[in-house]
Amino acid sequence: MSEQTVPAAVPTVPSRLGRWWARADVRLTSLVLVLVALCVVGHLTRPDAFLTEGNISTVLRLAAAIGVVSVGMTFVITAGGIDLSVGSIVALSSVWMTTWATQSYGVGVMVLCALLVGAGCGLVNGLLVAYGSVVPFIATLAMMASARGLAERISGRQTQVVTDPAFGAVFRGDLLGVPVLIWIFAVVFAAGWVLLNRTTFGRRTLAVGGNPEAARLAGINVRRHTALVYALAGLCCAIAAIMVVARTTSGASTNGLFYELDAIAAVVIGGTLLSGGRGSMTGTLLGVLIFTTLSNVFTLNNFETDIQNIAKGAIIVLAVLVQARFRRRARAV
């Protein structure tokens, strides 16, 4: 008697969607849906302005600088720390690179100066936290005040205009029809994603943030790694400072105001745990785009800045509450 084979059932559309949803990262999918919802609201409230090429370019340009800062912040928070000084480091780097003396040496020295100042400030934060046993909140709070004060001292609280036309030619142009600033953000994000997800440095960052003592017993030099993470965050601030100077053609001690709020908000919304041990670079990217789009929608509809800040603060609290709920569910399982 011949065997009869039962034909495999053809999966229906609902079952396919169910399987896809089971495999998908719920947090990232939710962020995509929120971003899409914001775009819909923006288009409905300002159909004449929101989806124009000029406005989309503006949103991406604004997202670029804070996005680069958020890449560095992702590493710091993943490692179990916090950095309140990122905005002040952006200001100090932008001021130092636009002094008359620095500009007289050309574009290369301007960029190098910014990178050294940013990385140096970040390294000081890291040394205080790792080797000085200073609480990250206090160490970076001190750097926030000191860097902003030094920026005001150097600039005399005056805006320093970039006089070298070569700087604008390099950083304010387009490459393949896309602004150079957006390319820089894309490169930094890609490098950050690879560093966090595909390298030993990233795995050590997750380990240090998850359990520093276990990481030490596993042979990781926790202190050195912590210092390097803060130095990396400072380097990202320096790159962001170059982008801010390129966008505004000037350096000022007021640059980078509230960048720490925006960066922390984007990172937390993106799914990185404030307690450390888990980080998502893709989530950070979506968080940056969500907050930038939200600010753009508010601006197009003539909302005041204070309302925008209230909304951002409320979103941060909501994100932390959601994270706490996820942790409780995970522990219960």
Protein backbone atom coordinates (compact mmCIF):
# COMPACT_ATOMS: atom_id res chain seq x y z
CA MET A 1 0.00 0.00 0.00
CA SER A 2 1.55 3.22 -1.11
CA GLU A 3 2.17 5.96 1.41
CA GLN A 4 0.17 9.11 1.03
CA THR A 5 1.97 12.30 1.79
CA VAL A 6 0.01 15.07 3.38
CA PRO A 7 0.67 18.34 1.57
CA ALA A 8 2.16 21.02 3.73
CA ALA A 9 -0.30 23.69 4.67
CA VAL A 10 0.28 26.99 2.93
CA PRO A 11 0.74 29.65 5.61
CA THR A 12 -1.94 32.28 5.54
CA VAL A 13 -1.21 36.00 5.66
CA PRO A 14 -2.19 36.35 9.36
CA SER A 15 0.08 33.46 10.35
CA ARG A 16 2.98 34.98 8.42
CA LEU A 17 2.44 38.31 10.14
CA GLY A 18 2.27 36.55 13.50
CA ARG A 19 5.57 34.76 12.89
CA TRP A 20 7.20 37.98 11.73
CA TRP A 21 5.98 39.81 14.82
CA ALA A 22 7.30 37.03 17.07
CA ARG A 23 10.75 37.39 15.51
CA ALA A 24 10.77 41.18 15.40
CA ASP A 25 12.18 43.35 18.14
CA VAL A 26 9.02 44.75 19.68
CA ARG A 27 10.77 47.85 20.99
CA LEU A 28 12.25 48.81 17.62
CA THR A 29 9.00 48.05 15.83
CA SER A 30 7.14 50.27 18.29
CA LEU A 31 9.63 53.09 17.69
CA VAL A 32 9.13 52.82 13.93
CA LEU A 33 5.37 53.03 14.42
CA VAL A 34 5.75 56.11 16.64
CA LEU A 35 7.96 57.78 14.02
CA VAL A 36 5.45 57.00 11.29
CA ALA A 37 2.62 58.37 13.46
CA LEU A 38 4.55 61.62 14.01
CA CYS A 39 5.10 61.97 10.27
CA VAL A 40 1.38 61.46 9.68
CA VAL A 41 0.51 64.10 12.28
CA GLY A 42 3.04 66.49 10.76
CA HIS A 43 1.60 66.00 7.30
CA LEU A 44 -2.00 66.41 8.48
CA THR A 45 -1.29 69.58 10.47
CA ARG A 46 1.02 71.19 7.92
CA PRO A 47 0.46 69.50 4.54
CA ASP A 48 2.05 72.47 2.78
CA ALA A 49 5.36 72.30 4.65
CA PHE A 50 6.13 69.04 6.43
CA LEU A 51 6.94 66.66 3.57
CA THR A 52 8.77 69.20 1.45
CA GLU A 53 12.34 68.48 0.42
CA GLY A 54 13.60 71.53 2.31
CA ASN A 55 11.92 70.55 5.58
CA ILE A 56 13.10 66.92 5.38
CA SER A 57 16.65 68.17 4.78
CA THR A 58 16.32 70.51 7.77
CA VAL A 59 15.14 67.67 10.04
CA LEU A 60 18.05 65.46 9.01
CA ARG A 61 20.58 68.27 9.45
CA LEU A 62 19.27 69.01 12.94
CA ALA A 63 19.29 65.29 13.77
CA ALA A 64 22.88 64.89 12.59
CA ALA A 65 24.71 66.72 15.38
CA ILE A 66 22.60 65.47 18.27
CA GLY A 67 22.66 62.02 16.66
CA VAL A 68 26.46 61.91 16.81
CA VAL A 69 26.37 62.96 20.48
CA SER A 70 23.78 60.25 21.13
CA VAL A 71 26.08 57.59 19.65
CA GLY A 72 28.66 58.41 22.32
CA MET A 73 25.97 58.61 25.01
CA THR A 74 24.78 55.12 24.04
CA PHE A 75 28.18 53.69 24.94
CA VAL A 76 28.33 55.59 28.24
CA ILE A 77 24.86 54.53 29.40
CA THR A 78 25.37 50.95 28.18
CA ALA A 79 28.51 50.84 30.34
CA GLY A 80 26.45 51.86 33.37
CA GLY A 81 27.39 55.55 33.40
CA ILE A 82 25.88 58.91 32.55
CA ASP A 83 27.34 62.04 30.95
CA LEU A 84 25.79 65.43 31.68
CA SER A 85 28.66 67.37 30.12
CA VAL A 86 28.13 66.57 26.42
CA GLY A 87 26.52 69.92 25.60
CA SER A 88 29.27 71.87 27.34
CA ILE A 89 31.97 69.85 25.59
CA VAL A 90 30.32 70.68 22.25
CA ALA A 91 30.41 74.36 23.20
CA LEU A 92 34.04 74.31 24.32
CA SER A 93 35.18 72.41 21.23
CA SER A 94 33.32 74.79 18.93
CA VAL A 95 34.80 77.85 20.64
CA TRP A 96 38.36 76.55 20.74
CA MET A 97 38.36 75.56 17.07
CA THR A 98 37.04 78.98 15.96
CA THR A 99 39.46 81.25 17.78
CA TRP A 100 41.40 83.57 15.53
CA ALA A 101 44.67 81.78 16.36
CA THR A 102 43.27 78.35 15.51
CA GLN A 103 41.66 79.49 12.26
CA SER A 104 44.94 81.03 11.11
CA TYR A 105 46.40 77.51 10.75
CA GLY A 106 43.68 76.27 8.40
CA VAL A 107 40.87 73.75 8.33
CA GLY A 108 42.98 70.75 9.32
CA VAL A 109 44.16 72.32 12.56
CA MET A 110 40.63 73.52 13.35
CA VAL A 111 39.28 69.99 13.07
CA LEU A 112 42.22 68.49 14.97
CA CYS A 113 41.81 71.05 17.74
CA ALA A 114 38.14 70.21 18.19
CA LEU A 115 38.85 66.47 18.28
CA LEU A 116 41.61 66.85 20.86
CA VAL A 117 39.54 69.13 23.10
CA GLY A 118 36.51 66.84 22.99
CA ALA A 119 38.44 63.62 23.53
CA GLY A 120 40.48 65.28 26.29
CA CYS A 121 37.40 66.42 28.19
CA GLY A 122 35.86 62.97 27.84
CA LEU A 123 39.05 61.33 29.06
CA VAL A 124 39.09 63.59 32.13
CA ASN A 125 35.52 62.46 32.88
CA GLY A 126 36.58 58.84 32.47
CA LEU A 127 39.62 59.17 34.71
CA LEU A 128 37.57 60.82 37.45
CA VAL A 129 34.93 58.10 37.29
CA ALA A 130 37.21 55.08 36.82
CA TYR A 131 40.30 55.96 38.83
CA GLY A 132 39.01 58.73 41.09
CA SER A 133 35.92 56.75 42.12
CA VAL A 134 33.78 59.84 41.55
CA VAL A 135 30.11 59.17 40.86
CA PRO A 136 29.47 59.72 37.11
CA PHE A 137 26.70 62.20 37.84
CA ILE A 138 29.02 64.39 39.94
CA ALA A 139 32.07 64.08 37.68
CA THR A 140 30.20 65.00 34.52
CA LEU A 141 28.21 67.71 36.31
CA ALA A 142 31.51 69.33 37.27
CA MET A 143 32.74 69.05 33.67
CA MET A 144 29.47 70.54 32.44
CA ALA A 145 30.01 73.67 34.53
CA SER A 146 33.76 73.90 33.92
CA ALA A 147 33.67 73.38 30.14
CA ARG A 148 30.85 75.88 29.67
CA GLY A 149 32.67 78.41 31.85
CA LEU A 150 35.93 77.93 29.96
CA ALA A 151 34.09 78.37 26.65
CA GLU A 152 32.67 81.68 27.91
CA ARG A 153 36.12 82.74 29.11
CA ILE A 154 37.82 82.01 25.79
CA SER A 155 35.13 83.60 23.63
CA GLY A 156 34.34 86.49 25.95
CA ARG A 157 30.71 85.42 25.50
CA GLN A 158 30.94 86.57 21.90
CA THR A 159 30.10 84.61 18.77
CA GLN A 160 33.24 83.68 16.81
CA VAL A 161 32.55 83.67 13.08
CA VAL A 162 34.39 81.24 10.80
CA THR A 163 36.43 83.33 8.35
CA ASP A 164 38.13 80.52 6.43
CA PRO A 165 36.06 79.84 3.28
CA ALA A 166 37.68 76.42 2.92
CA PHE A 167 35.87 75.21 6.04
CA GLY A 168 32.47 75.95 4.53
CA ALA A 169 33.51 74.44 1.23
CA VAL A 170 34.36 71.15 2.97
CA PHE A 171 31.53 70.80 5.49
CA ARG A 172 28.64 72.79 4.04
CA GLY A 173 28.58 71.17 0.63
CA ASP A 174 26.78 68.15 -0.78
CA LEU A 175 28.03 64.70 -1.75
CA LEU A 176 25.90 62.83 -4.29
CA GLY A 177 23.12 65.29 -3.59
CA VAL A 178 23.16 64.64 0.17
CA PRO A 179 24.55 67.23 2.65
CA VAL A 180 27.99 66.37 4.03
CA LEU A 181 26.65 66.68 7.60
CA ILE A 182 24.23 63.83 6.99
CA TRP A 183 27.03 61.71 5.53
CA ILE A 184 29.12 62.35 8.66
CA PHE A 185 26.23 61.27 10.87
CA ALA A 186 25.73 58.13 8.77
CA VAL A 187 29.40 57.19 9.01
CA VAL A 188 29.55 57.80 12.79
CA PHE A 189 26.36 55.81 13.36
CA ALA A 190 27.60 52.90 11.22
CA ALA A 191 30.94 52.90 13.04
CA GLY A 192 29.16 53.02 16.41
CA TRP A 193 26.86 50.13 15.45
CA VAL A 194 29.78 47.96 14.37
CA LEU A 195 31.80 48.89 17.46
CA LEU A 196 28.93 48.02 19.83
CA ASN A 197 27.64 44.88 18.11
CA ARG A 198 30.58 43.32 16.30
CA THR A 199 33.73 44.02 18.31
CA THR A 200 35.35 43.03 21.59
CA PHE A 201 35.06 46.64 22.73
CA GLY A 202 31.28 46.46 22.42
CA ARG A 203 31.03 43.15 24.24
CA ARG A 204 33.19 44.51 27.05
CA THR A 205 30.99 47.61 27.25
CA LEU A 206 27.91 45.42 27.72
CA ALA A 207 29.71 43.31 30.29
CA VAL A 208 30.94 46.29 32.32
CA GLY A 209 27.47 47.82 32.33
CA GLY A 210 25.74 44.55 33.21
CA ASN A 211 27.98 43.47 36.09
CA PRO A 212 31.32 45.27 36.67
CA GLU A 213 32.53 42.73 39.22
CA ALA A 214 31.82 39.78 36.93
CA ALA A 215 33.54 41.65 34.10
CA ARG A 216 36.61 42.17 36.30
CA LEU A 217 36.71 38.50 37.22
CA ALA A 218 36.47 37.66 33.52
CA GLY A 219 39.71 39.51 32.92
CA ILE A 220 38.39 42.86 31.68
CA ASN A 221 40.22 45.96 32.89
CA VAL A 222 37.04 47.72 34.00
CA ARG A 223 38.72 51.00 34.94
CA ARG A 224 40.58 51.39 31.67
CA HIS A 225 37.52 50.44 29.65
CA THR A 226 35.35 52.94 31.53
CA ALA A 227 37.86 55.71 30.83
CA LEU A 228 37.94 54.80 27.14
CA VAL A 229 34.14 54.85 26.92
CA TYR A 230 33.99 58.42 28.27
CA ALA A 231 36.83 59.46 25.94
CA LEU A 232 34.81 58.02 23.04
CA ALA A 233 31.79 60.07 24.13
CA GLY A 234 33.97 63.19 24.21
CA LEU A 235 35.23 62.43 20.70
CA CYS A 236 31.64 62.20 19.48
CA CYS A 237 30.96 65.59 21.08
CA ALA A 238 33.92 67.03 19.17
CA ILE A 239 32.57 65.70 15.86
CA ALA A 240 29.18 67.19 16.73
CA ALA A 241 30.87 70.53 17.47
CA ILE A 242 32.42 70.55 14.00
CA MET A 243 28.98 69.88 12.54
CA VAL A 244 27.37 72.66 14.59
CA VAL A 245 30.06 75.12 13.49
CA ALA A 246 29.54 74.05 9.89
CA ARG A 247 25.79 74.57 10.16
CA THR A 248 25.96 77.93 11.95
CA THR A 249 29.34 79.14 10.54
CA SER A 250 30.33 80.18 14.06
CA GLY A 251 31.47 78.95 17.44
CA ALA A 252 29.78 80.14 20.63
CA SER A 253 29.63 79.26 24.31
CA THR A 254 25.87 78.77 23.90
CA ASN A 255 26.27 75.90 21.45
CA GLY A 256 25.08 72.51 22.67
CA LEU A 257 22.51 73.80 25.15
CA PHE A 258 20.26 70.95 26.37
CA TYR A 259 22.16 68.44 24.23
CA GLU A 260 22.50 66.25 27.31
CA LEU A 261 18.70 66.15 27.66
CA ASP A 262 18.15 65.35 24.00
CA ALA A 263 20.89 62.70 23.90
CA ILE A 264 19.78 60.92 27.08
CA ALA A 265 16.18 61.04 25.91
CA ALA A 266 17.03 59.55 22.51
CA VAL A 267 19.14 56.79 24.06
CA VAL A 268 16.56 55.85 26.68
CA ILE A 269 13.69 55.95 24.19
CA GLY A 270 15.77 53.71 21.94
CA GLY A 271 15.81 50.93 24.53
CA THR A 272 19.20 51.33 26.21
CA LEU A 273 18.86 50.57 29.91
CA LEU A 274 19.74 53.46 32.24
CA SER A 275 21.18 50.89 34.63
CA GLY A 276 23.54 49.61 31.92
CA GLY A 277 24.13 46.21 30.39
CA ARG A 278 21.97 46.63 27.30
CA GLY A 279 22.29 49.08 24.43
CA SER A 280 20.70 49.53 21.04
CA MET A 281 22.38 51.75 18.47
CA THR A 282 19.48 51.30 16.05
CA GLY A 283 17.08 52.29 18.81
CA THR A 284 19.16 55.39 19.47
CA LEU A 285 18.90 56.37 15.81
CA LEU A 286 15.11 56.00 15.92
CA GLY A 287 14.99 57.95 19.19
CA VAL A 288 16.94 60.82 17.63
CA LEU A 289 14.63 60.88 14.61
CA ILE A 290 11.54 60.78 16.83
CA PHE A 291 12.63 63.74 18.97
CA THR A 292 13.85 65.77 16.00
CA THR A 293 10.62 65.12 14.11
CA LEU A 294 8.58 65.98 17.22
CA SER A 295 10.44 69.29 17.59
CA ASN A 296 9.94 70.01 13.90
CA VAL A 297 6.19 69.35 14.13
CA PHE A 298 5.96 71.66 17.16
CA THR A 299 7.95 74.37 15.38
CA LEU A 300 5.86 74.19 12.21
CA ASN A 301 2.73 74.55 14.32
CA ASN A 302 4.18 77.52 16.27
CA PHE A 303 4.39 75.81 19.67
CA GLU A 304 6.62 77.50 22.25
CA THR A 305 9.99 75.99 23.21
CA ASP A 306 8.88 75.42 26.80
CA ILE A 307 6.08 73.14 25.58
CA GLN A 308 8.61 71.14 23.56
CA ASN A 309 10.81 70.69 26.64
CA ILE A 310 7.83 69.62 28.75
CA ALA A 311 6.90 67.04 26.12
CA LYS A 312 10.47 65.71 25.98
CA GLY A 313 10.62 65.39 29.76
CA ALA A 314 7.31 63.55 29.85
CA ILE A 315 8.49 61.15 27.14
CA ILE A 316 11.69 60.38 29.09
CA VAL A 317 9.69 59.54 32.24
CA LEU A 318 7.31 57.38 30.21
CA ALA A 319 10.22 55.52 28.61
CA VAL A 320 11.82 54.81 32.01
CA LEU A 321 8.50 53.51 33.37
CA VAL A 322 8.11 51.22 30.35
CA GLN A 323 11.67 49.93 30.84
CA ALA A 324 10.94 49.19 34.51
CA ARG A 325 7.83 47.26 33.52
CA PHE A 326 9.79 45.19 30.99
CA ARG A 327 12.42 44.38 33.65
CA ARG A 328 9.77 43.26 36.14
CA ARG A 329 8.19 40.99 33.54
CA ALA A 330 11.56 39.53 32.63
CA ARG A 331 12.34 38.77 36.29
CA ALA A 332 8.91 37.19 36.77
CA VAL A 333 9.55 34.82 33.85
